[in-house]
PDB file of N, CA and C in Angstrom:
ATOM      1  N   MET A   1      60.066 -33.684 -34.802  1.00  0.00           N
ATOM      2  CA  MET A   1      58.950 -33.572 -33.916  1.00  0.00           C
ATOM      3  C   MET A   1      58.932 -34.798 -33.019  1.00  0.00           C
ATOM      4  N   VAL A   2      58.453 -34.570 -31.841  1.00  0.00           N
ATOM      5  CA  VAL A   2      58.363 -35.672 -30.839  1.00  0.00           C
ATOM      6  C   VAL A   2      56.984 -35.586 -30.246  1.00  0.00           C
ATOM      7  N   ALA A   3      56.715 -36.639 -29.438  1.00  0.00           N
ATOM      8  CA  ALA A   3      55.456 -36.650 -28.733  1.00  0.00           C
ATOM      9  C   ALA A   3      55.359 -35.396 -27.861  1.00  0.00           C
ATOM     10  N   GLY A   4      54.167 -34.876 -27.719  1.00  0.00           N
ATOM     11  CA  GLY A   4      53.997 -33.635 -26.960  1.00  0.00           C
ATOM     12  C   GLY A   4      52.578 -33.565 -26.449  1.00  0.00           C
ATOM     13  N   TRP A   5      52.302 -32.449 -25.813  1.00  0.00           N
ATOM     14  CA  TRP A   5      50.997 -32.201 -25.254  1.00  0.00           C
ATOM     15  C   TRP A   5      50.508 -30.785 -25.590  1.00  0.00           C
ATOM     16  N   ASP A   6      49.212 -30.623 -25.660  1.00  0.00           N
ATOM     17  CA  ASP A   6      48.697 -29.303 -25.909  1.00  0.00           C
ATOM     18  C   ASP A   6      48.534 -28.501 -24.603  1.00  0.00           C
ATOM     19  N   ALA A   7      47.963 -27.341 -24.717  1.00  0.00           N
ATOM     20  CA  ALA A   7      47.848 -26.464 -23.571  1.00  0.00           C
ATOM     21  C   ALA A   7      46.934 -27.082 -22.469  1.00  0.00           C
ATOM     22  N   ASP A   8      45.993 -27.951 -22.869  1.00  0.00           N
ATOM     23  CA  ASP A   8      45.117 -28.628 -21.864  1.00  0.00           C
ATOM     24  C   ASP A   8      45.733 -29.850 -21.296  1.00  0.00           C
ATOM     25  N   GLY A   9      46.936 -30.272 -21.722  1.00  0.00           N
ATOM     26  CA  GLY A   9      47.571 -31.486 -21.214  1.00  0.00           C
ATOM     27  C   GLY A   9      47.230 -32.698 -22.010  1.00  0.00           C
ATOM     28  N   ASP A  10      46.489 -32.553 -23.137  1.00  0.00           N
ATOM     29  CA  ASP A  10      46.153 -33.726 -23.938  1.00  0.00           C
ATOM     30  C   ASP A  10      47.378 -34.110 -24.813  1.00  0.00           C
ATOM     31  N   ALA A  11      47.622 -35.425 -24.904  1.00  0.00           N
ATOM     32  CA  ALA A  11      48.736 -35.903 -25.705  1.00  0.00           C
ATOM     33  C   ALA A  11      48.463 -35.672 -27.216  1.00  0.00           C
ATOM     34  N   ILE A  12      49.481 -35.418 -27.952  1.00  0.00           N
ATOM     35  CA  ILE A  12      49.377 -35.264 -29.409  1.00  0.00           C
ATOM     36  C   ILE A  12      49.178 -36.643 -29.993  1.00  0.00           C
ATOM     37  N   VAL A  13      48.168 -36.827 -30.858  1.00  0.00           N
ATOM     38  CA  VAL A  13      47.879 -38.098 -31.523  1.00  0.00           C
ATOM     39  C   VAL A  13      48.460 -38.117 -32.905  1.00  0.00           C
ATOM     40  N   PHE A  14      48.301 -37.035 -33.643  1.00  0.00           N
ATOM     41  CA  PHE A  14      48.771 -36.942 -35.032  1.00  0.00           C
ATOM     42  C   PHE A  14      49.416 -35.561 -35.231  1.00  0.00           C
ATOM     43  N   TYR A  15      50.363 -35.550 -36.182  1.00  0.00           N
ATOM     44  CA  TYR A  15      50.847 -34.305 -36.767  1.00  0.00           C
ATOM     45  C   TYR A  15      50.482 -34.298 -38.255  1.00  0.00           C
ATOM     46  N   GLU A  16      50.375 -33.134 -38.828  1.00  0.00           N
ATOM     47  CA  GLU A  16      50.261 -32.998 -40.269  1.00  0.00           C
ATOM     48  C   GLU A  16      51.270 -31.936 -40.731  1.00  0.00           C
ATOM     49  N   VAL A  17      51.926 -32.190 -41.869  1.00  0.00           N
ATOM     50  CA  VAL A  17      52.817 -31.191 -42.457  1.00  0.00           C
ATOM     51  C   VAL A  17      52.448 -31.082 -43.914  1.00  0.00           C
ATOM     52  N   TRP A  18      52.769 -29.928 -44.531  1.00  0.00           N
ATOM     53  CA  TRP A  18      52.674 -29.764 -45.948  1.00  0.00           C
ATOM     54  C   TRP A  18      53.583 -28.633 -46.367  1.00  0.00           C
ATOM     55  N   ASP A  19      53.927 -28.717 -47.664  1.00  0.00           N
ATOM     56  CA  ASP A  19      54.837 -27.766 -48.286  1.00  0.00           C
ATOM     57  C   ASP A  19      53.978 -26.772 -49.069  1.00  0.00           C
ATOM     58  N   GLY A  20      54.080 -25.522 -48.743  1.00  0.00           N
ATOM     59  CA  GLY A  20      53.267 -24.490 -49.426  1.00  0.00           C
ATOM     60  C   GLY A  20      53.790 -24.020 -50.764  1.00  0.00           C
ATOM     61  N   ASN A  21      55.022 -24.393 -51.113  1.00  0.00           N
ATOM     62  CA  ASN A  21      55.541 -23.969 -52.387  1.00  0.00           C
ATOM     63  C   ASN A  21      54.912 -24.749 -53.541  1.00  0.00           C
ATOM     64  N   GLY A  22      54.615 -24.100 -54.601  1.00  0.00           N
ATOM     65  CA  GLY A  22      53.939 -24.759 -55.697  1.00  0.00           C
ATOM     66  C   GLY A  22      54.744 -24.742 -56.970  1.00  0.00           C
ATOM     67  N   ASP A  23      56.076 -24.485 -56.917  1.00  0.00           N
ATOM     68  CA  ASP A  23      56.823 -24.309 -58.180  1.00  0.00           C
ATOM     69  C   ASP A  23      57.394 -25.625 -58.686  1.00  0.00           C
ATOM     70  N   GLY A  24      57.231 -26.729 -58.006  1.00  0.00           N
ATOM     71  CA  GLY A  24      57.720 -28.019 -58.537  1.00  0.00           C
ATOM     72  C   GLY A  24      59.218 -28.212 -58.420  1.00  0.00           C
ATOM     73  N   GLY A  25      59.983 -27.113 -58.346  1.00  0.00           N
ATOM     74  CA  GLY A  25      61.406 -27.214 -58.222  1.00  0.00           C
ATOM     75  C   GLY A  25      61.921 -27.112 -56.800  1.00  0.00           C
ATOM     76  N   SER A  26      60.997 -26.961 -55.875  1.00  0.00           N
ATOM     77  CA  SER A  26      61.384 -26.802 -54.491  1.00  0.00           C
ATOM     78  C   SER A  26      61.586 -28.174 -53.839  1.00  0.00           C
ATOM     79  N   GLY A  27      62.035 -28.123 -52.551  1.00  0.00           N
ATOM     80  CA  GLY A  27      62.196 -29.379 -51.845  1.00  0.00           C
ATOM     81  C   GLY A  27      60.817 -29.973 -51.549  1.00  0.00           C
ATOM     82  N   TYR A  28      60.818 -31.110 -50.842  1.00  0.00           N
ATOM     83  CA  TYR A  28      59.563 -31.762 -50.546  1.00  0.00           C
ATOM     84  C   TYR A  28      59.725 -32.672 -49.302  1.00  0.00           C
ATOM     85  N   TRP A  29      58.590 -32.947 -48.682  1.00  0.00           N
ATOM     86  CA  TRP A  29      58.565 -33.860 -47.573  1.00  0.00           C
ATOM     87  C   TRP A  29      58.694 -35.292 -48.116  1.00  0.00           C
ATOM     88  N   ASN A  30      59.403 -36.119 -47.370  1.00  0.00           N
ATOM     89  CA  ASN A  30      59.558 -37.529 -47.757  1.00  0.00           C
ATOM     90  C   ASN A  30      59.222 -38.346 -46.538  1.00  0.00           C
ATOM     91  N   TYR A  31      58.320 -39.327 -46.714  1.00  0.00           N
ATOM     92  CA  TYR A  31      57.899 -40.181 -45.660  1.00  0.00           C
ATOM     93  C   TYR A  31      57.971 -41.637 -46.159  1.00  0.00           C
ATOM     94  N   ARG A  32      58.818 -42.434 -45.510  1.00  0.00           N
ATOM     95  CA  ARG A  32      59.057 -43.816 -45.892  1.00  0.00           C
ATOM     96  C   ARG A  32      59.351 -43.934 -47.382  1.00  0.00           C
ATOM     97  N   ASP A  33      60.236 -43.085 -47.822  1.00  0.00           N
ATOM     98  CA  ASP A  33      60.723 -43.115 -49.239  1.00  0.00           C
ATOM     99  C   ASP A  33      59.616 -42.749 -50.243  1.00  0.00           C
ATOM    100  N   GLN A  34      58.556 -42.101 -49.802  1.00  0.00           N
ATOM    101  CA  GLN A  34      57.510 -41.594 -50.657  1.00  0.00           C
ATOM    102  C   GLN A  34      57.492 -40.067 -50.644  1.00  0.00           C
ATOM    103  N   PRO A  35      57.683 -39.422 -51.797  1.00  0.00           N
ATOM    104  CA  PRO A  35      57.682 -37.963 -51.836  1.00  0.00           C
ATOM    105  C   PRO A  35      56.301 -37.383 -51.684  1.00  0.00           C
ATOM    106  N   TYR A  36      56.155 -36.269 -50.980  1.00  0.00           N
ATOM    107  CA  TYR A  36      54.909 -35.533 -50.811  1.00  0.00           C
ATOM    108  C   TYR A  36      55.184 -34.116 -51.275  1.00  0.00           C
ATOM    109  N   GLY A  37      54.715 -33.738 -52.443  1.00  0.00           N
ATOM    110  CA  GLY A  37      54.957 -32.446 -53.031  1.00  0.00           C
ATOM    111  C   GLY A  37      54.127 -31.331 -52.494  1.00  0.00           C
ATOM    112  N   ALA A  38      54.284 -30.187 -53.058  1.00  0.00           N
ATOM    113  CA  ALA A  38      53.525 -29.004 -52.644  1.00  0.00           C
ATOM    114  C   ALA A  38      52.059 -29.289 -52.658  1.00  0.00           C
ATOM    115  N   GLY A  39      51.356 -28.873 -51.587  1.00  0.00           N
ATOM    116  CA  GLY A  39      49.914 -28.984 -51.524  1.00  0.00           C
ATOM    117  C   GLY A  39      49.424 -30.339 -51.033  1.00  0.00           C
ATOM    118  N   GLN A  40      50.303 -31.309 -50.803  1.00  0.00           N
ATOM    119  CA  GLN A  40      49.886 -32.601 -50.293  1.00  0.00           C
ATOM    120  C   GLN A  40      50.149 -32.632 -48.766  1.00  0.00           C
ATOM    121  N   ALA A  41      49.088 -32.749 -48.001  1.00  0.00           N
ATOM    122  CA  ALA A  41      49.214 -32.861 -46.549  1.00  0.00           C
ATOM    123  C   ALA A  41      49.634 -34.285 -46.215  1.00  0.00           C
ATOM    124  N   LEU A  42      50.477 -34.399 -45.221  1.00  0.00           N
ATOM    125  CA  LEU A  42      51.035 -35.707 -44.767  1.00  0.00           C
ATOM    126  C   LEU A  42      50.731 -35.810 -43.321  1.00  0.00           C
ATOM    127  N   ARG A  43      49.998 -36.859 -42.924  1.00  0.00           N
ATOM    128  CA  ARG A  43      49.628 -37.133 -41.518  1.00  0.00           C
ATOM    129  C   ARG A  43      50.442 -38.297 -40.972  1.00  0.00           C
ATOM    130  N   PHE A  44      50.884 -38.161 -39.741  1.00  0.00           N
ATOM    131  CA  PHE A  44      51.694 -39.206 -39.114  1.00  0.00           C
ATOM    132  C   PHE A  44      51.602 -39.104 -37.598  1.00  0.00           C
ATOM    133  N   THR A  45      51.860 -40.201 -36.923  1.00  0.00           N
ATOM    134  CA  THR A  45      51.894 -40.216 -35.454  1.00  0.00           C
ATOM    135  C   THR A  45      53.227 -39.743 -34.928  1.00  0.00           C
ATOM    136  N   PRO A  46      53.307 -39.361 -33.680  1.00  0.00           N
ATOM    137  CA  PRO A  46      54.630 -38.975 -33.125  1.00  0.00           C
ATOM    138  C   PRO A  46      55.679 -40.049 -33.275  1.00  0.00           C
ATOM    139  N   GLU A  47      55.268 -41.337 -33.176  1.00  0.00           N
ATOM    140  CA  GLU A  47      56.220 -42.407 -33.292  1.00  0.00           C
ATOM    141  C   GLU A  47      56.733 -42.569 -34.719  1.00  0.00           C
ATOM    142  N   GLN A  48      55.948 -42.158 -35.697  1.00  0.00           N
ATOM    143  CA  GLN A  48      56.356 -42.267 -37.104  1.00  0.00           C
ATOM    144  C   GLN A  48      57.317 -41.150 -37.547  1.00  0.00           C
ATOM    145  N   THR A  49      57.562 -40.184 -36.703  1.00  0.00           N
ATOM    146  CA  THR A  49      58.432 -39.068 -37.055  1.00  0.00           C
ATOM    147  C   THR A  49      59.780 -39.544 -37.597  1.00  0.00           C
ATOM    148  N   ARG A  50      60.273 -40.654 -37.111  1.00  0.00           N
ATOM    149  CA  ARG A  50      61.614 -41.133 -37.562  1.00  0.00           C
ATOM    150  C   ARG A  50      61.637 -41.441 -39.053  1.00  0.00           C
ATOM    151  N   TYR A  51      60.514 -41.608 -39.714  1.00  0.00           N
ATOM    152  CA  TYR A  51      60.452 -41.858 -41.148  1.00  0.00           C
ATOM    153  C   TYR A  51      60.301 -40.656 -42.001  1.00  0.00           C
ATOM    154  N   LEU A  52      60.252 -39.492 -41.371  1.00  0.00           N
ATOM    155  CA  LEU A  52      59.968 -38.244 -42.074  1.00  0.00           C
ATOM    156  C   LEU A  52      61.233 -37.378 -42.186  1.00  0.00           C
ATOM    157  N   TYR A  53      61.467 -36.812 -43.397  1.00  0.00           N
ATOM    158  CA  TYR A  53      62.495 -35.835 -43.563  1.00  0.00           C
ATOM    159  C   TYR A  53      62.115 -34.901 -44.695  1.00  0.00           C
ATOM    160  N   PHE A  54      62.837 -33.794 -44.788  1.00  0.00           N
ATOM    161  CA  PHE A  54      62.578 -32.838 -45.841  1.00  0.00           C
ATOM    162  C   PHE A  54      63.737 -32.972 -46.854  1.00  0.00           C
ATOM    163  N   HIS A  55      63.409 -33.253 -48.073  1.00  0.00           N
ATOM    164  CA  HIS A  55      64.362 -33.477 -49.171  1.00  0.00           C
ATOM    165  C   HIS A  55      64.640 -32.143 -49.838  1.00  0.00           C
ATOM    166  N   ALA A  56      65.877 -31.699 -49.836  1.00  0.00           N
ATOM    167  CA  ALA A  56      66.254 -30.431 -50.410  1.00  0.00           C
ATOM    168  C   ALA A  56      66.128 -30.416 -51.925  1.00  0.00           C
ATOM    169  N   ALA A  57      65.877 -29.240 -52.482  1.00  0.00           N
ATOM    170  CA  ALA A  57      65.870 -29.077 -53.970  1.00  0.00           C
ATOM    171  C   ALA A  57      67.268 -29.201 -54.470  1.00  0.00           C
ATOM    172  N   GLN A  58      67.406 -29.247 -55.807  1.00  0.00           N
ATOM    173  CA  GLN A  58      68.714 -29.352 -56.402  1.00  0.00           C
ATOM    174  C   GLN A  58      69.530 -28.073 -56.310  1.00  0.00           C
ATOM    175  N   TYR A  59      68.899 -26.994 -56.050  1.00  0.00           N
ATOM    176  CA  TYR A  59      69.517 -25.679 -55.943  1.00  0.00           C
ATOM    177  C   TYR A  59      69.083 -24.999 -54.695  1.00  0.00           C
ATOM    178  N   SER A  60      69.750 -23.942 -54.297  1.00  0.00           N
ATOM    179  CA  SER A  60      69.383 -23.195 -53.114  1.00  0.00           C
ATOM    180  C   SER A  60      67.917 -22.676 -53.283  1.00  0.00           C
ATOM    181  N   THR A  61      67.108 -22.900 -52.262  1.00  0.00           N
ATOM    182  CA  THR A  61      65.738 -22.454 -52.313  1.00  0.00           C
ATOM    183  C   THR A  61      65.182 -22.253 -50.899  1.00  0.00           C
ATOM    184  N   ARG A  62      64.122 -21.490 -50.806  1.00  0.00           N
ATOM    185  CA  ARG A  62      63.419 -21.284 -49.517  1.00  0.00           C
ATOM    186  C   ARG A  62      62.009 -21.869 -49.653  1.00  0.00           C
ATOM    187  N   ASP A  63      61.691 -22.774 -48.796  1.00  0.00           N
ATOM    188  CA  ASP A  63      60.349 -23.416 -48.836  1.00  0.00           C
ATOM    189  C   ASP A  63      59.521 -22.849 -47.682  1.00  0.00           C
ATOM    190  N   GLN A  64      58.245 -22.646 -47.980  1.00  0.00           N
ATOM    191  CA  GLN A  64      57.247 -22.242 -46.944  1.00  0.00           C
ATOM    192  C   GLN A  64      56.596 -23.545 -46.508  1.00  0.00           C
ATOM    193  N   LEU A  65      56.800 -23.926 -45.243  1.00  0.00           N
ATOM    194  CA  LEU A  65      56.281 -25.214 -44.735  1.00  0.00           C
ATOM    195  C   LEU A  65      55.275 -24.919 -43.643  1.00  0.00           C
ATOM    196  N   PHE A  66      54.425 -25.902 -43.387  1.00  0.00           N
ATOM    197  CA  PHE A  66      53.336 -25.794 -42.404  1.00  0.00           C
ATOM    198  C   PHE A  66      53.250 -27.069 -41.564  1.00  0.00           C
ATOM    199  N   VAL A  67      52.931 -26.912 -40.304  1.00  0.00           N
ATOM    200  CA  VAL A  67      52.698 -28.038 -39.401  1.00  0.00           C
ATOM    201  C   VAL A  67      51.519 -27.763 -38.495  1.00  0.00           C
ATOM    202  N   ARG A  68      50.815 -28.790 -38.103  1.00  0.00           N
ATOM    203  CA  ARG A  68      49.739 -28.657 -37.099  1.00  0.00           C
ATOM    204  C   ARG A  68      49.657 -29.963 -36.342  1.00  0.00           C
ATOM    205  N   ALA A  69      48.951 -29.975 -35.216  1.00  0.00           N
ATOM    206  CA  ALA A  69      48.842 -31.127 -34.330  1.00  0.00           C
ATOM    207  C   ALA A  69      47.404 -31.388 -33.983  1.00  0.00           C
ATOM    208  N   PHE A  70      47.119 -32.709 -33.704  1.00  0.00           N
ATOM    209  CA  PHE A  70      45.781 -33.177 -33.344  1.00  0.00           C
ATOM    210  C   PHE A  70      45.864 -33.889 -32.010  1.00  0.00           C
ATOM    211  N   ASP A  71      45.042 -33.493 -31.042  1.00  0.00           N
ATOM    212  CA  ASP A  71      45.044 -34.090 -29.706  1.00  0.00           C
ATOM    213  C   ASP A  71      43.977 -35.152 -29.447  1.00  0.00           C
ATOM    214  N   GLY A  72      43.351 -35.621 -30.532  1.00  0.00           N
ATOM    215  CA  GLY A  72      42.274 -36.567 -30.395  1.00  0.00           C
ATOM    216  C   GLY A  72      40.903 -35.922 -30.387  1.00  0.00           C
ATOM    217  N   LYS A  73      40.847 -34.630 -30.209  1.00  0.00           N
ATOM    218  CA  LYS A  73      39.596 -33.859 -30.227  1.00  0.00           C
ATOM    219  C   LYS A  73      39.601 -32.778 -31.263  1.00  0.00           C
ATOM    220  N   ASP A  74      40.655 -31.991 -31.286  1.00  0.00           N
ATOM    221  CA  ASP A  74      40.718 -30.826 -32.167  1.00  0.00           C
ATOM    222  C   ASP A  74      42.103 -30.684 -32.806  1.00  0.00           C
ATOM    223  N   TRP A  75      42.101 -30.124 -34.058  1.00  0.00           N
ATOM    224  CA  TRP A  75      43.349 -29.778 -34.685  1.00  0.00           C
ATOM    225  C   TRP A  75      43.760 -28.389 -34.261  1.00  0.00           C
ATOM    226  N   SER A  76      45.043 -28.174 -34.135  1.00  0.00           N
ATOM    227  CA  SER A  76      45.566 -26.859 -33.886  1.00  0.00           C
ATOM    228  C   SER A  76      45.511 -26.071 -35.212  1.00  0.00           C
ATOM    229  N   GLY A  77      45.788 -24.800 -35.191  1.00  0.00           N
ATOM    230  CA  GLY A  77      45.903 -24.042 -36.372  1.00  0.00           C
ATOM    231  C   GLY A  77      47.239 -24.426 -37.084  1.00  0.00           C
ATOM    232  N   TRP A  78      47.331 -24.137 -38.356  1.00  0.00           N
ATOM    233  CA  TRP A  78      48.593 -24.370 -39.072  1.00  0.00           C
ATOM    234  C   TRP A  78      49.634 -23.374 -38.607  1.00  0.00           C
ATOM    235  N   VAL A  79      50.845 -23.799 -38.347  1.00  0.00           N
ATOM    236  CA  VAL A  79      51.938 -22.958 -38.029  1.00  0.00           C
ATOM    237  C   VAL A  79      52.875 -22.947 -39.233  1.00  0.00           C
ATOM    238  N   GLU A  80      53.159 -21.759 -39.748  1.00  0.00           N
ATOM    239  CA  GLU A  80      53.998 -21.601 -40.945  1.00  0.00           C
ATOM    240  C   GLU A  80      55.424 -21.308 -40.526  1.00  0.00           C
ATOM    241  N   PHE A  81      56.374 -21.950 -41.246  1.00  0.00           N
ATOM    242  CA  PHE A  81      57.808 -21.602 -41.061  1.00  0.00           C
ATOM    243  C   PHE A  81      58.485 -21.763 -42.407  1.00  0.00           C
ATOM    244  N   SER A  82      59.621 -21.117 -42.542  1.00  0.00           N
ATOM    245  CA  SER A  82      60.367 -21.248 -43.798  1.00  0.00           C
ATOM    246  C   SER A  82      61.665 -22.016 -43.534  1.00  0.00           C
ATOM    247  N   LEU A  83      62.078 -22.733 -44.545  1.00  0.00           N
ATOM    248  CA  LEU A  83      63.316 -23.535 -44.486  1.00  0.00           C
ATOM    249  C   LEU A  83      64.110 -23.185 -45.738  1.00  0.00           C
ATOM    250  N   THR A  84      65.332 -22.713 -45.532  1.00  0.00           N
ATOM    251  CA  THR A  84      66.214 -22.439 -46.671  1.00  0.00           C
ATOM    252  C   THR A  84      67.273 -23.547 -46.761  1.00  0.00           C
ATOM    253  N   THR A  85      67.355 -24.148 -47.938  1.00  0.00           N
ATOM    254  CA  THR A  85      68.300 -25.241 -48.146  1.00  0.00           C
ATOM    255  C   THR A  85      69.327 -24.792 -49.196  1.00  0.00           C
ATOM    256  N   LYS A  86      70.478 -25.389 -49.134  1.00  0.00           N
ATOM    257  CA  LYS A  86      71.583 -25.008 -50.025  1.00  0.00           C
ATOM    258  C   LYS A  86      71.618 -25.873 -51.318  1.00  0.00           C
ATOM    259  N   GLY A  87      70.712 -26.810 -51.419  1.00  0.00           N
ATOM    260  CA  GLY A  87      70.692 -27.684 -52.583  1.00  0.00           C
ATOM    261  C   GLY A  87      71.519 -28.940 -52.316  1.00  0.00           C
ATOM    262  N   GLN A  88      71.495 -29.773 -53.317  1.00  0.00           N
ATOM    263  CA  GLN A  88      72.194 -31.069 -53.193  1.00  0.00           C
ATOM    264  C   GLN A  88      73.585 -30.995 -53.691  1.00  0.00           C
TER     265      GLN A  88
END
């Protein structure tokens, strides 16, 4: 993710991501070497994106992930996407 703008031209101030899988064996978001498991929302600025990655599970799995953006006034709706990893 990078800095962006909403439909009104407002700059994005924050992003939030979360992992919708709840099985504990799935992958997880990692921010500055801190894991964020299923159900834990993670908020960060566009500049902090460089510290964020998705850590794959030990086996092939498909994770349901969500992202939304904040323009300083309102949050967007959550956008869902899936990510299939091949494991480590």
